Amino acid sequence: MITTSIFMGANIPDSGTVSTSMFKSFIENEVANRLDGFTITEGQGYWKGQRERTFILTVIHSYEDVGIKVACEEVAKAYKSQFRQEAVLVASSETVTSFV
């Protein structure tokens, strides 16, 4: 299995921050229709020395499901464009998973 995480900063250059309602709308319009299941966590990150609220979207999927990889890249590009981000990180790694 593969774990793919998308790290999305909430600072908008020269325009404040992505609010909870803005992020919720983004999830409803850009993510929920692309991914069947995902987890959202919030954290604190740093970009170029500035601390910012960070949204982390995580998806666990099979090696063979390249559609998920494409969908995650589309989500990252949409977030980058919509909230004028300099960069959005998409990180994937092999993981051992099981349902209990």
N, C-alpha and C. Protein backbone atom coordinates (compact mmCIF):
# COMPACT_ATOMS: atom_id res chain seq x y z
N MET A 1 0.84 -1.17 0.00
CA MET A 1 0.00 0.00 0.00
C MET A 1 0.89 1.25 0.00
N ILE A 2 0.30 2.34 -0.43
CA ILE A 2 0.97 3.63 -0.51
C ILE A 2 0.19 4.64 0.33
N THR A 3 0.89 5.45 1.09
CA THR A 3 0.28 6.58 1.79
C THR A 3 0.71 7.84 1.06
N THR A 4 -0.26 8.60 0.61
CA THR A 4 0.01 9.87 -0.05
C THR A 4 -0.58 10.98 0.81
N SER A 5 0.26 11.97 1.11
CA SER A 5 -0.18 13.11 1.90
C SER A 5 0.06 14.39 1.12
N ILE A 6 -0.90 15.30 1.22
CA ILE A 6 -0.80 16.61 0.57
C ILE A 6 -0.74 17.65 1.68
N PHE A 7 0.32 18.44 1.69
CA PHE A 7 0.53 19.46 2.71
C PHE A 7 0.20 20.82 2.10
N MET A 8 -0.83 21.48 2.67
CA MET A 8 -1.34 22.73 2.11
C MET A 8 -1.31 23.83 3.16
N GLY A 9 -0.47 24.81 2.95
CA GLY A 9 -0.37 25.93 3.87
C GLY A 9 -1.59 26.84 3.77
N ALA A 10 -1.89 27.52 4.86
CA ALA A 10 -3.10 28.35 4.90
C ALA A 10 -2.83 29.84 4.68
N ASN A 11 -1.55 30.25 4.66
CA ASN A 11 -1.27 31.66 4.39
C ASN A 11 -1.48 31.95 2.91
N ILE A 12 -2.21 33.02 2.63
CA ILE A 12 -2.42 33.48 1.25
C ILE A 12 -1.58 34.74 1.07
N PRO A 13 -0.66 34.74 0.11
CA PRO A 13 0.20 35.92 -0.06
C PRO A 13 -0.62 37.21 -0.18
N ASP A 14 -0.33 38.16 0.68
CA ASP A 14 -0.96 39.49 0.67
C ASP A 14 -2.48 39.46 0.83
N SER A 15 -3.05 38.35 1.34
CA SER A 15 -4.52 38.26 1.45
C SER A 15 -5.00 37.53 2.70
N GLY A 16 -4.20 37.44 3.72
CA GLY A 16 -4.67 36.77 4.92
C GLY A 16 -4.44 35.28 4.89
N THR A 17 -5.47 34.52 5.34
CA THR A 17 -5.33 33.07 5.44
C THR A 17 -6.57 32.36 4.91
N VAL A 18 -6.40 31.08 4.63
CA VAL A 18 -7.52 30.22 4.24
C VAL A 18 -8.32 29.93 5.51
N SER A 19 -9.57 30.34 5.53
CA SER A 19 -10.42 30.11 6.71
C SER A 19 -10.94 28.68 6.71
N THR A 20 -11.50 28.28 7.83
CA THR A 20 -12.09 26.95 7.94
C THR A 20 -13.20 26.77 6.91
N SER A 21 -14.04 27.80 6.73
CA SER A 21 -15.14 27.68 5.76
C SER A 21 -14.61 27.64 4.33
N MET A 22 -13.56 28.37 4.03
CA MET A 22 -12.95 28.32 2.70
C MET A 22 -12.40 26.93 2.42
N PHE A 23 -11.73 26.34 3.44
CA PHE A 23 -11.15 25.01 3.27
C PHE A 23 -12.25 23.97 3.13
N LYS A 24 -13.31 24.10 3.92
CA LYS A 24 -14.44 23.17 3.82
C LYS A 24 -15.03 23.20 2.41
N SER A 25 -15.20 24.38 1.86
CA SER A 25 -15.72 24.52 0.50
C SER A 25 -14.76 23.88 -0.51
N PHE A 26 -13.47 24.08 -0.31
CA PHE A 26 -12.48 23.46 -1.20
C PHE A 26 -12.61 21.94 -1.16
N ILE A 27 -12.73 21.37 0.03
CA ILE A 27 -12.88 19.93 0.16
C ILE A 27 -14.13 19.44 -0.57
N GLU A 28 -15.24 20.14 -0.36
CA GLU A 28 -16.49 19.73 -1.00
C GLU A 28 -16.42 19.84 -2.53
N ASN A 29 -15.77 20.87 -3.03
CA ASN A 29 -15.77 21.12 -4.48
C ASN A 29 -14.61 20.49 -5.25
N GLU A 30 -13.48 20.28 -4.59
CA GLU A 30 -12.29 19.81 -5.30
C GLU A 30 -11.80 18.42 -4.88
N VAL A 31 -12.15 18.00 -3.68
CA VAL A 31 -11.59 16.75 -3.16
C VAL A 31 -12.61 15.62 -3.12
N ALA A 32 -13.76 15.87 -2.54
CA ALA A 32 -14.74 14.81 -2.31
C ALA A 32 -15.19 14.13 -3.60
N ASN A 33 -15.16 14.85 -4.71
CA ASN A 33 -15.56 14.24 -5.99
C ASN A 33 -14.41 13.49 -6.66
N ARG A 34 -13.18 13.64 -6.15
CA ARG A 34 -12.02 12.97 -6.75
C ARG A 34 -11.56 11.75 -5.95
N LEU A 35 -11.79 11.78 -4.64
CA LEU A 35 -11.28 10.72 -3.77
C LEU A 35 -12.42 10.10 -2.96
N ASP A 36 -12.47 8.78 -2.91
CA ASP A 36 -13.52 8.09 -2.17
C ASP A 36 -13.34 8.19 -0.67
N GLY A 37 -12.11 8.22 -0.21
CA GLY A 37 -11.84 8.28 1.22
C GLY A 37 -10.54 9.00 1.48
N PHE A 38 -10.51 9.78 2.54
CA PHE A 38 -9.31 10.54 2.90
C PHE A 38 -9.46 11.03 4.32
N THR A 39 -8.35 11.46 4.89
CA THR A 39 -8.33 12.02 6.23
C THR A 39 -7.72 13.41 6.17
N ILE A 40 -8.31 14.34 6.91
CA ILE A 40 -7.78 15.70 7.00
C ILE A 40 -7.29 15.91 8.43
N THR A 41 -6.07 16.39 8.56
CA THR A 41 -5.55 16.81 9.85
C THR A 41 -5.02 18.23 9.71
N GLU A 42 -4.95 18.92 10.82
CA GLU A 42 -4.39 20.27 10.82
C GLU A 42 -3.12 20.27 11.64
N GLY A 43 -2.19 21.07 11.23
CA GLY A 43 -0.93 21.18 11.95
C GLY A 43 -0.36 22.57 11.79
N GLN A 44 0.84 22.72 12.25
CA GLN A 44 1.59 23.96 12.09
C GLN A 44 2.81 23.64 11.24
N GLY A 45 3.03 24.43 10.23
CA GLY A 45 4.18 24.23 9.38
C GLY A 45 4.96 25.52 9.25
N TYR A 46 6.07 25.42 8.58
CA TYR A 46 6.90 26.60 8.29
C TYR A 46 7.22 26.61 6.82
N TRP A 47 7.13 27.78 6.23
CA TRP A 47 7.51 27.97 4.84
C TRP A 47 8.33 29.23 4.77
N LYS A 48 9.58 29.07 4.37
CA LYS A 48 10.51 30.20 4.25
C LYS A 48 10.57 31.01 5.54
N GLY A 49 10.64 30.29 6.66
CA GLY A 49 10.81 30.93 7.95
C GLY A 49 9.54 31.46 8.60
N GLN A 50 8.41 31.35 7.93
CA GLN A 50 7.15 31.83 8.50
C GLN A 50 6.29 30.66 8.93
N ARG A 51 5.78 30.75 10.14
CA ARG A 51 4.89 29.72 10.67
C ARG A 51 3.50 29.92 10.06
N GLU A 52 2.86 28.81 9.73
CA GLU A 52 1.51 28.90 9.22
C GLU A 52 0.71 27.65 9.54
N ARG A 53 -0.58 27.84 9.66
CA ARG A 53 -1.51 26.72 9.80
C ARG A 53 -1.40 25.89 8.54
N THR A 54 -1.44 24.57 8.70
CA THR A 54 -1.28 23.67 7.56
C THR A 54 -2.36 22.60 7.58
N PHE A 55 -2.95 22.36 6.43
CA PHE A 55 -3.93 21.28 6.27
C PHE A 55 -3.19 20.12 5.63
N ILE A 56 -3.40 18.91 6.16
CA ILE A 56 -2.76 17.72 5.62
C ILE A 56 -3.84 16.73 5.22
N LEU A 57 -3.90 16.41 3.96
CA LEU A 57 -4.87 15.46 3.43
C LEU A 57 -4.11 14.16 3.18
N THR A 58 -4.59 13.06 3.75
CA THR A 58 -3.91 11.78 3.62
C THR A 58 -4.83 10.75 3.00
N VAL A 59 -4.27 10.00 2.05
CA VAL A 59 -4.99 8.93 1.36
C VAL A 59 -4.11 7.68 1.37
N ILE A 60 -4.69 6.54 1.70
CA ILE A 60 -3.98 5.27 1.62
C ILE A 60 -4.58 4.49 0.46
N HIS A 61 -3.72 4.02 -0.44
CA HIS A 61 -4.22 3.37 -1.65
C HIS A 61 -3.25 2.29 -2.12
N SER A 62 -3.70 1.48 -3.05
CA SER A 62 -2.87 0.39 -3.56
C SER A 62 -1.84 0.91 -4.56
N TYR A 63 -0.81 0.12 -4.77
CA TYR A 63 0.22 0.45 -5.75
C TYR A 63 -0.38 0.64 -7.14
N GLU A 64 -1.33 -0.22 -7.44
CA GLU A 64 -1.89 -0.26 -8.79
C GLU A 64 -2.84 0.90 -9.09
N ASP A 65 -3.32 1.56 -8.09
CA ASP A 65 -4.33 2.60 -8.30
C ASP A 65 -3.67 3.93 -8.65
N VAL A 66 -3.21 4.03 -9.90
CA VAL A 66 -2.55 5.27 -10.34
C VAL A 66 -3.54 6.42 -10.44
N GLY A 67 -4.83 6.11 -10.50
CA GLY A 67 -5.85 7.16 -10.54
C GLY A 67 -5.84 8.00 -9.27
N ILE A 68 -5.51 7.40 -8.14
CA ILE A 68 -5.43 8.13 -6.88
C ILE A 68 -4.25 9.11 -6.92
N LYS A 69 -3.13 8.66 -7.45
CA LYS A 69 -1.95 9.54 -7.57
C LYS A 69 -2.28 10.75 -8.43
N VAL A 70 -2.94 10.52 -9.54
CA VAL A 70 -3.34 11.61 -10.44
C VAL A 70 -4.32 12.54 -9.73
N ALA A 71 -5.30 11.97 -9.02
CA ALA A 71 -6.29 12.77 -8.31
C ALA A 71 -5.61 13.64 -7.24
N CYS A 72 -4.64 13.09 -6.53
CA CYS A 72 -3.93 13.87 -5.51
C CYS A 72 -3.16 15.03 -6.13
N GLU A 73 -2.55 14.79 -7.26
CA GLU A 73 -1.83 15.86 -7.95
C GLU A 73 -2.80 16.94 -8.43
N GLU A 74 -3.99 16.53 -8.90
CA GLU A 74 -5.01 17.50 -9.31
C GLU A 74 -5.48 18.34 -8.14
N VAL A 75 -5.68 17.71 -6.98
CA VAL A 75 -6.09 18.42 -5.77
C VAL A 75 -5.02 19.44 -5.39
N ALA A 76 -3.77 19.02 -5.40
CA ALA A 76 -2.67 19.93 -5.05
C ALA A 76 -2.61 21.12 -6.00
N LYS A 77 -2.76 20.88 -7.29
CA LYS A 77 -2.74 21.97 -8.27
C LYS A 77 -3.91 22.91 -8.08
N ALA A 78 -5.08 22.36 -7.77
CA ALA A 78 -6.26 23.19 -7.55
C ALA A 78 -6.08 24.07 -6.31
N TYR A 79 -5.53 23.50 -5.24
CA TYR A 79 -5.30 24.29 -4.02
C TYR A 79 -4.28 25.39 -4.29
N LYS A 80 -3.21 25.02 -4.98
CA LYS A 80 -2.15 25.99 -5.30
C LYS A 80 -2.72 27.17 -6.09
N SER A 81 -3.54 26.89 -7.06
CA SER A 81 -4.14 27.93 -7.89
C SER A 81 -5.17 28.75 -7.13
N GLN A 82 -6.10 28.07 -6.47
CA GLN A 82 -7.20 28.76 -5.80
C GLN A 82 -6.73 29.68 -4.67
N PHE A 83 -5.68 29.26 -3.95
CA PHE A 83 -5.22 30.03 -2.80
C PHE A 83 -3.85 30.66 -3.02
N ARG A 84 -3.45 30.77 -4.28
CA ARG A 84 -2.22 31.46 -4.69
C ARG A 84 -0.99 31.01 -3.90
N GLN A 85 -0.83 29.70 -3.77
CA GLN A 85 0.30 29.15 -3.04
C GLN A 85 1.53 29.08 -3.95
N GLU A 86 2.68 29.30 -3.36
CA GLU A 86 3.93 29.14 -4.11
C GLU A 86 4.21 27.66 -4.37
N ALA A 87 3.84 26.82 -3.40
CA ALA A 87 4.08 25.39 -3.54
C ALA A 87 3.10 24.62 -2.65
N VAL A 88 2.76 23.42 -3.08
CA VAL A 88 1.98 22.46 -2.29
C VAL A 88 2.75 21.15 -2.37
N LEU A 89 3.01 20.54 -1.22
CA LEU A 89 3.80 19.31 -1.19
C LEU A 89 2.91 18.08 -1.28
N VAL A 90 3.25 17.18 -2.20
CA VAL A 90 2.60 15.87 -2.31
C VAL A 90 3.70 14.85 -2.02
N ALA A 91 3.51 14.07 -0.94
CA ALA A 91 4.50 13.09 -0.54
C ALA A 91 3.86 11.71 -0.49
N SER A 92 4.53 10.73 -1.12
CA SER A 92 4.03 9.36 -1.11
C SER A 92 5.11 8.44 -0.57
N SER A 93 4.67 7.44 0.21
CA SER A 93 5.61 6.46 0.73
C SER A 93 4.92 5.12 0.89
N GLU A 94 5.74 4.08 0.83
CA GLU A 94 5.20 2.73 1.03
C GLU A 94 4.83 2.56 2.49
N THR A 95 3.73 1.88 2.73
CA THR A 95 3.28 1.70 4.10
C THR A 95 2.70 0.30 4.27
N VAL A 96 2.77 -0.20 5.47
CA VAL A 96 2.14 -1.49 5.82
C VAL A 96 0.85 -1.15 6.55
N THR A 97 -0.26 -1.64 6.04
CA THR A 97 -1.56 -1.29 6.63
C THR A 97 -2.39 -2.54 6.85
N SER A 98 -3.35 -2.44 7.76
CA SER A 98 -4.33 -3.49 7.95
C SER A 98 -5.55 -2.91 8.65
N PHE A 99 -6.69 -3.49 8.35
CA PHE A 99 -7.91 -3.12 9.06
C PHE A 99 -8.07 -4.07 10.23
N VAL A 100 -8.41 -3.54 11.38
CA VAL A 100 -8.56 -4.37 12.58
C VAL A 100 -10.01 -4.33 13.01
